[in-house]
N, C-alpha and C. Protein backbone atom coordinates (compact mmCIF):
# COMPACT_ATOMS: atom_id res chain seq x y z
N MET A 1 57.95 -8.26 34.19
CA MET A 1 57.27 -9.61 34.81
C MET A 1 58.39 -10.34 35.38
N SER A 2 57.76 -10.93 36.49
CA SER A 2 58.85 -11.99 37.34
C SER A 2 59.06 -13.17 36.66
N SER A 3 58.49 -13.55 35.68
CA SER A 3 58.71 -14.68 34.84
C SER A 3 59.69 -14.66 33.86
N GLY A 4 60.05 -13.40 33.57
CA GLY A 4 61.06 -13.03 32.62
C GLY A 4 60.77 -13.06 31.35
N ARG A 5 59.58 -13.19 31.06
CA ARG A 5 58.92 -13.19 29.67
C ARG A 5 58.57 -11.73 29.22
N GLY A 6 58.81 -11.31 28.02
CA GLY A 6 58.53 -9.92 27.63
C GLY A 6 57.09 -9.70 28.01
N LYS A 7 56.75 -8.26 27.68
CA LYS A 7 55.49 -7.82 27.89
C LYS A 7 54.43 -8.37 26.75
N PHE A 8 54.96 -8.48 25.63
CA PHE A 8 53.90 -8.91 24.34
C PHE A 8 54.00 -10.20 24.12
N PHE A 9 54.54 -11.21 25.16
CA PHE A 9 54.73 -12.78 24.79
C PHE A 9 53.21 -13.20 24.35
N TYR A 10 52.38 -12.93 25.24
CA TYR A 10 50.96 -13.60 25.14
C TYR A 10 50.41 -13.11 23.95
N LEU A 11 50.41 -11.75 23.75
CA LEU A 11 49.62 -11.17 22.64
C LEU A 11 50.19 -11.53 21.36
N TYR A 12 51.59 -11.62 21.22
CA TYR A 12 52.10 -12.38 19.78
C TYR A 12 51.57 -13.72 19.78
N LEU A 13 51.63 -14.43 20.89
CA LEU A 13 51.03 -15.92 20.81
C LEU A 13 49.79 -16.02 20.38
N ILE A 14 48.72 -15.17 21.11
CA ILE A 14 47.58 -15.18 20.56
C ILE A 14 47.19 -15.05 19.22
N GLY A 15 47.81 -13.90 18.74
CA GLY A 15 47.99 -13.36 17.27
C GLY A 15 48.33 -14.36 16.45
N GLY A 16 49.54 -15.15 16.76
CA GLY A 16 49.93 -15.91 15.85
C GLY A 16 48.89 -17.12 15.82
N THR A 17 48.40 -17.65 16.96
CA THR A 17 47.29 -18.67 16.78
C THR A 17 46.25 -18.45 16.24
N VAL A 18 45.63 -17.04 16.25
CA VAL A 18 44.51 -16.54 15.50
C VAL A 18 44.80 -16.69 14.03
N ALA A 19 46.00 -16.20 13.76
CA ALA A 19 46.48 -16.36 12.26
C ALA A 19 46.58 -17.69 11.51
N LEU A 20 47.02 -18.41 12.43
CA LEU A 20 47.15 -19.88 11.99
C LEU A 20 45.76 -20.60 11.69
N ILE A 21 44.60 -20.37 12.73
CA ILE A 21 43.40 -20.54 12.34
C ILE A 21 42.90 -20.29 11.19
N LEU A 22 42.92 -18.78 11.00
CA LEU A 22 42.51 -18.25 9.63
C LEU A 22 43.12 -18.76 8.46
N LEU A 23 44.53 -19.08 8.54
CA LEU A 23 45.24 -19.90 7.42
C LEU A 23 44.39 -21.11 7.19
N LEU A 24 44.24 -21.94 8.26
CA LEU A 24 43.81 -23.30 8.06
C LEU A 24 42.30 -23.01 7.60
N TYR A 25 41.61 -22.29 8.07
CA TYR A 25 39.92 -22.05 7.56
C TYR A 25 40.10 -21.74 6.00
N SER A 26 41.02 -20.77 5.66
CA SER A 26 40.91 -20.45 4.37
C SER A 26 41.32 -21.54 3.49
N LEU A 27 42.42 -22.45 3.87
CA LEU A 27 42.63 -23.38 2.87
C LEU A 27 41.83 -24.54 2.97
N THR A 28 40.95 -24.76 3.87
CA THR A 28 39.78 -25.76 4.01
C THR A 28 38.63 -25.28 3.17
N THR A 29 38.49 -24.04 3.39
CA THR A 29 37.21 -23.77 2.52
C THR A 29 37.33 -23.44 1.14
N ALA A 30 38.55 -23.33 0.51
CA ALA A 30 38.87 -23.22 -1.07
C ALA A 30 39.85 -24.32 -1.22
N TYR A 31 39.36 -25.56 -0.73
CA TYR A 31 40.37 -26.61 -1.06
C TYR A 31 40.83 -27.02 -2.53
N PRO A 32 39.87 -27.09 -3.38
CA PRO A 32 40.22 -27.61 -4.75
C PRO A 32 40.91 -26.27 -5.27
N ASN A 33 40.47 -25.32 -5.40
CA ASN A 33 41.21 -24.20 -5.66
C ASN A 33 42.08 -23.13 -4.88
N ILE A 34 42.86 -23.87 -4.27
CA ILE A 34 43.70 -22.80 -3.32
C ILE A 34 44.40 -21.77 -4.25
N ASN A 35 44.36 -20.41 -3.63
CA ASN A 35 45.04 -19.37 -4.05
C ASN A 35 46.38 -19.17 -3.06
N HIS A 36 47.54 -19.29 -3.92
CA HIS A 36 48.86 -19.15 -3.29
C HIS A 36 49.05 -17.77 -2.62
N GLY A 37 48.36 -16.76 -3.41
CA GLY A 37 48.75 -15.39 -2.96
C GLY A 37 47.90 -15.30 -1.52
N GLY A 38 46.61 -15.72 -1.59
CA GLY A 38 46.00 -15.78 -0.45
C GLY A 38 46.42 -16.48 0.75
N ALA A 39 46.92 -17.52 0.62
CA ALA A 39 47.80 -18.50 1.56
C ALA A 39 48.90 -17.61 2.13
N LEU A 40 49.62 -17.16 1.08
CA LEU A 40 51.05 -16.31 1.61
C LEU A 40 50.33 -15.09 2.53
N PHE A 41 49.25 -14.52 2.26
CA PHE A 41 48.95 -13.45 2.86
C PHE A 41 48.74 -13.75 4.36
N TYR A 42 48.39 -15.07 4.70
CA TYR A 42 48.36 -15.54 5.83
C TYR A 42 49.31 -16.12 6.65
N ILE A 43 50.01 -16.86 5.74
CA ILE A 43 51.40 -17.37 6.21
C ILE A 43 52.44 -16.46 6.89
N ILE A 44 52.73 -15.20 6.03
CA ILE A 44 53.76 -14.48 6.51
C ILE A 44 53.24 -13.63 7.81
N PRO A 45 52.15 -13.12 8.24
CA PRO A 45 51.85 -12.60 9.66
C PRO A 45 52.08 -13.78 10.68
N THR A 46 51.50 -14.99 10.36
CA THR A 46 51.64 -16.29 11.16
C THR A 46 52.92 -16.30 11.69
N LEU A 47 54.05 -16.60 10.64
CA LEU A 47 55.32 -16.84 10.96
C LEU A 47 56.03 -15.64 11.88
N ALA A 48 55.54 -14.48 11.45
CA ALA A 48 56.11 -13.22 12.04
C ALA A 48 55.71 -13.14 13.50
N LEU A 49 54.43 -13.41 13.81
CA LEU A 49 54.04 -13.36 15.17
C LEU A 49 54.37 -14.37 15.98
N TYR A 50 54.72 -15.64 15.42
CA TYR A 50 55.10 -16.85 16.29
C TYR A 50 56.86 -16.43 16.44
N TYR A 51 57.44 -15.84 15.44
CA TYR A 51 58.71 -15.33 15.65
C TYR A 51 58.99 -14.52 16.71
N MET A 52 58.24 -13.24 16.73
CA MET A 52 58.04 -12.28 17.67
C MET A 52 57.86 -12.74 19.24
N ALA A 53 56.93 -13.97 19.49
CA ALA A 53 56.78 -14.44 20.37
C ALA A 53 57.94 -15.33 21.01
N TYR A 54 58.33 -15.87 20.00
CA TYR A 54 59.86 -16.76 20.50
C TYR A 54 60.77 -15.67 20.97
N LYS A 55 61.15 -14.63 20.25
CA LYS A 55 61.80 -13.63 20.60
C LYS A 55 61.78 -12.89 21.91
N THR A 56 60.38 -12.81 22.41
CA THR A 56 60.03 -12.03 23.69
C THR A 56 60.20 -13.13 24.57
N TYR A 57 59.92 -14.36 24.35
CA TYR A 57 60.03 -15.23 25.33
C TYR A 57 61.49 -15.76 25.80
N HIS A 58 62.29 -15.68 24.83
CA HIS A 58 63.79 -16.18 25.07
C HIS A 58 64.55 -14.97 25.47
N VAL A 59 64.65 -14.74 26.65
CA VAL A 59 65.48 -13.57 27.17
C VAL A 59 66.67 -14.26 27.47
N LYS A 60 67.76 -13.34 27.11
CA LYS A 60 69.24 -13.89 27.31
C LYS A 60 69.58 -13.52 28.54
N LYS A 61 70.14 -14.27 29.47
CA LYS A 61 70.97 -14.10 30.76
C LYS A 61 72.06 -14.00 30.53
N ASP A 62 72.87 -13.33 31.70
CA ASP A 62 74.39 -13.06 31.30
C ASP A 62 74.93 -14.09 31.23
N GLY A 63 74.78 -15.36 31.95
CA GLY A 63 75.63 -16.55 32.03
C GLY A 63 75.18 -17.55 31.10
N GLU A 64 74.30 -17.19 29.95
CA GLU A 64 73.50 -18.07 29.34
C GLU A 64 74.52 -18.29 28.12
N LEU A 65 74.94 -19.34 27.49
CA LEU A 65 75.62 -19.82 26.40
C LEU A 65 74.79 -19.93 25.41
N MET A 66 75.05 -19.12 24.14
CA MET A 66 74.01 -19.32 22.78
C MET A 66 74.93 -19.42 21.84
């Protein structure tokens, strides 16, 4: 891609957003009796997809200091 982003940046970003929406939906529908295992089931993929989107977006260049 000419913008320097990885091939799967938008896929990971959309997947992470969908997982975040599902997490918020599951927490709001089961508000008084929140199942922590069920919430963890949505939190882990959400964080993983956003992390992968970050890693594919941030491409190191030769002169970049990190």
